[in-house]
Amino acid sequence: MDAERLLDDRYVLDERSFAEMVVWRVPQAVPGCSHDLKYRLAYLVEGECVLRYDNEAGKGDHRHWGDRETEYTFVSLEALQADFWTDVDGWEKRK
């Protein structure tokens, strides 16, 4: 089985920010993950990535919030998207 792209979306939120969601179903789990998805959800403001959820070999599921990186507990694709949008909203409200 080849990788299957499930999402490849870009959302322009205003004149200074946008979000991207790229999700693939992969033939086997990324090392460090217990699911079959490879993903990158990113929120960029004025060209700078200020929030990103992703998974990569060896690191597993994690979240970048500004300069901080924390583990992320993956439950489902729907929960991942909901958590991402909640954090986008939280980033905007902190200003």
C-alpha atoms as a PDB file:
ATOM      1  CA  MET A   1       0.000   0.000   0.000  1.00  0.00           C
ATOM      2  CA  ASP A   2       1.259   3.466  -0.876  1.00  0.00           C
ATOM      3  CA  ALA A   3       0.725   6.506   1.317  1.00  0.00           C
ATOM      4  CA  GLU A   4      -2.715   8.059   0.832  1.00  0.00           C
ATOM      5  CA  ARG A   5      -3.204  11.799   1.198  1.00  0.00           C
ATOM      6  CA  LEU A   6      -6.236  12.453   3.388  1.00  0.00           C
ATOM      7  CA  LEU A   7      -5.927  16.232   3.773  1.00  0.00           C
ATOM      8  CA  ASP A   8      -4.000  18.977   2.034  1.00  0.00           C
ATOM      9  CA  ASP A   9      -5.820  22.165   2.944  1.00  0.00           C
ATOM     10  CA  ARG A  10      -4.853  25.804   3.386  1.00  0.00           C
ATOM     11  CA  TYR A  11      -7.070  28.259   5.258  1.00  0.00           C
ATOM     12  CA  VAL A  12      -6.403  31.975   4.863  1.00  0.00           C
ATOM     13  CA  LEU A  13      -7.626  33.421   8.140  1.00  0.00           C
ATOM     14  CA  ASP A  14      -6.886  37.088   7.526  1.00  0.00           C
ATOM     15  CA  GLU A  15      -4.368  39.279   5.718  1.00  0.00           C
ATOM     16  CA  ARG A  16      -1.567  38.241   8.079  1.00  0.00           C
ATOM     17  CA  SER A  17      -2.212  34.594   8.950  1.00  0.00           C
ATOM     18  CA  PHE A  18      -3.104  31.204   7.530  1.00  0.00           C
ATOM     19  CA  ALA A  19      -3.244  27.560   8.570  1.00  0.00           C
ATOM     20  CA  GLU A  20      -2.208  24.449   6.673  1.00  0.00           C
ATOM     21  CA  MET A  21      -3.253  20.862   7.321  1.00  0.00           C
ATOM     22  CA  VAL A  22      -1.467  18.008   5.576  1.00  0.00           C
ATOM     23  CA  VAL A  23      -2.290  14.434   6.618  1.00  0.00           C
ATOM     24  CA  TRP A  24      -1.263  11.133   5.031  1.00  0.00           C
ATOM     25  CA  ARG A  25      -2.279   7.571   5.844  1.00  0.00           C
ATOM     26  CA  VAL A  26       0.976   5.622   5.691  1.00  0.00           C
ATOM     27  CA  PRO A  27       1.570   1.875   5.259  1.00  0.00           C
ATOM     28  CA  GLN A  28       3.146   1.592   8.709  1.00  0.00           C
ATOM     29  CA  ALA A  29       3.290   3.792  11.761  1.00  0.00           C
ATOM     30  CA  VAL A  30       5.947   6.488  11.958  1.00  0.00           C
ATOM     31  CA  PRO A  31       8.527   5.288  14.534  1.00  0.00           C
ATOM     32  CA  GLY A  32       7.421   6.624  17.914  1.00  0.00           C
ATOM     33  CA  CYS A  33       3.708   6.630  16.972  1.00  0.00           C
ATOM     34  CA  SER A  34       0.985   4.029  17.456  1.00  0.00           C
ATOM     35  CA  HIS A  35      -1.206   5.077  14.494  1.00  0.00           C
ATOM     36  CA  ASP A  36      -0.945   5.037  10.708  1.00  0.00           C
ATOM     37  CA  LEU A  37      -1.013   8.803  10.053  1.00  0.00           C
ATOM     38  CA  LYS A  38       1.781  11.196   9.142  1.00  0.00           C
ATOM     39  CA  TYR A  39       0.733  14.814   9.639  1.00  0.00           C
ATOM     40  CA  ARG A  40       1.671  18.471   9.794  1.00  0.00           C
ATOM     41  CA  LEU A  41      -0.792  21.103  10.970  1.00  0.00           C
ATOM     42  CA  ALA A  42       0.727  24.567  11.021  1.00  0.00           C
ATOM     43  CA  TYR A  43      -0.430  28.076  11.880  1.00  0.00           C
ATOM     44  CA  LEU A  44       1.617  30.925  10.425  1.00  0.00           C
ATOM     45  CA  VAL A  45       1.397  34.593  11.358  1.00  0.00           C
ATOM     46  CA  GLU A  46       3.221  37.189   9.255  1.00  0.00           C
ATOM     47  CA  GLY A  47       5.276  34.410   7.644  1.00  0.00           C
ATOM     48  CA  GLU A  48       6.387  32.828  10.933  1.00  0.00           C
ATOM     49  CA  CYS A  49       5.222  29.393  12.059  1.00  0.00           C
ATOM     50  CA  VAL A  50       3.953  30.038  15.587  1.00  0.00           C
ATOM     51  CA  LEU A  51       2.087  26.748  16.135  1.00  0.00           C
ATOM     52  CA  ARG A  52       2.629  23.312  14.637  1.00  0.00           C
ATOM     53  CA  TYR A  53       1.438  19.801  15.355  1.00  0.00           C
ATOM     54  CA  ASP A  54       3.449  17.078  13.659  1.00  0.00           C
ATOM     55  CA  ASN A  55       4.985  13.672  14.017  1.00  0.00           C
ATOM     56  CA  GLU A  56       8.376  12.532  12.903  1.00  0.00           C
ATOM     57  CA  ALA A  57      10.506   9.437  13.267  1.00  0.00           C
ATOM     58  CA  GLY A  58      11.990   9.176  16.731  1.00  0.00           C
ATOM     59  CA  LYS A  59      10.004  12.083  18.190  1.00  0.00           C
ATOM     60  CA  GLY A  60       6.504  10.761  17.683  1.00  0.00           C
ATOM     61  CA  ASP A  61       3.491  13.035  18.106  1.00  0.00           C
ATOM     62  CA  HIS A  62       4.325  16.510  19.385  1.00  0.00           C
ATOM     63  CA  ARG A  63       3.351  20.171  19.307  1.00  0.00           C
ATOM     64  CA  HIS A  64       5.416  23.308  18.768  1.00  0.00           C
ATOM     65  CA  TRP A  65       3.983  26.389  20.505  1.00  0.00           C
ATOM     66  CA  GLY A  66       6.240  29.333  19.749  1.00  0.00           C
ATOM     67  CA  ASP A  67       9.711  28.162  20.806  1.00  0.00           C
ATOM     68  CA  ARG A  68       8.415  25.356  23.047  1.00  0.00           C
ATOM     69  CA  GLU A  69       7.993  21.736  22.012  1.00  0.00           C
ATOM     70  CA  THR A  70       5.762  19.381  24.000  1.00  0.00           C
ATOM     71  CA  GLU A  71       4.500  15.832  23.569  1.00  0.00           C
ATOM     72  CA  TYR A  72       1.040  15.399  22.106  1.00  0.00           C
ATOM     73  CA  THR A  73      -1.230  12.455  22.860  1.00  0.00           C
ATOM     74  CA  PHE A  74      -2.811  11.421  19.570  1.00  0.00           C
ATOM     75  CA  VAL A  75      -6.385  10.102  19.941  1.00  0.00           C
ATOM     76  CA  SER A  76      -7.903  10.506  16.469  1.00  0.00           C
ATOM     77  CA  LEU A  77      -7.686  12.703  13.392  1.00  0.00           C
ATOM     78  CA  GLU A  78     -10.831  14.541  14.493  1.00  0.00           C
ATOM     79  CA  ALA A  79      -9.388  15.241  17.956  1.00  0.00           C
ATOM     80  CA  LEU A  80      -6.098  16.391  16.399  1.00  0.00           C
ATOM     81  CA  GLN A  81      -7.921  18.912  14.215  1.00  0.00           C
ATOM     82  CA  ALA A  82     -10.065  20.122  17.130  1.00  0.00           C
ATOM     83  CA  ASP A  83      -7.004  20.547  19.377  1.00  0.00           C
ATOM     84  CA  PHE A  84      -5.183  22.439  16.635  1.00  0.00           C
ATOM     85  CA  TRP A  85      -8.055  24.884  16.044  1.00  0.00           C
ATOM     86  CA  THR A  86      -8.463  25.377  19.808  1.00  0.00           C
ATOM     87  CA  ASP A  87      -4.783  26.333  20.002  1.00  0.00           C
ATOM     88  CA  VAL A  88      -5.053  28.650  16.991  1.00  0.00           C
ATOM     89  CA  ASP A  89      -7.909  30.410  18.785  1.00  0.00           C
ATOM     90  CA  GLY A  90      -5.864  30.506  22.005  1.00  0.00           C
ATOM     91  CA  TRP A  91      -2.875  31.986  20.205  1.00  0.00           C
ATOM     92  CA  GLU A  92      -5.024  34.789  18.819  1.00  0.00           C
ATOM     93  CA  LYS A  93      -6.684  35.495  22.180  1.00  0.00           C
ATOM     94  CA  ARG A  94      -3.372  35.881  24.006  1.00  0.00           C
ATOM     95  CA  LYS A  95      -2.659  39.117  22.151  1.00  0.00           C
END
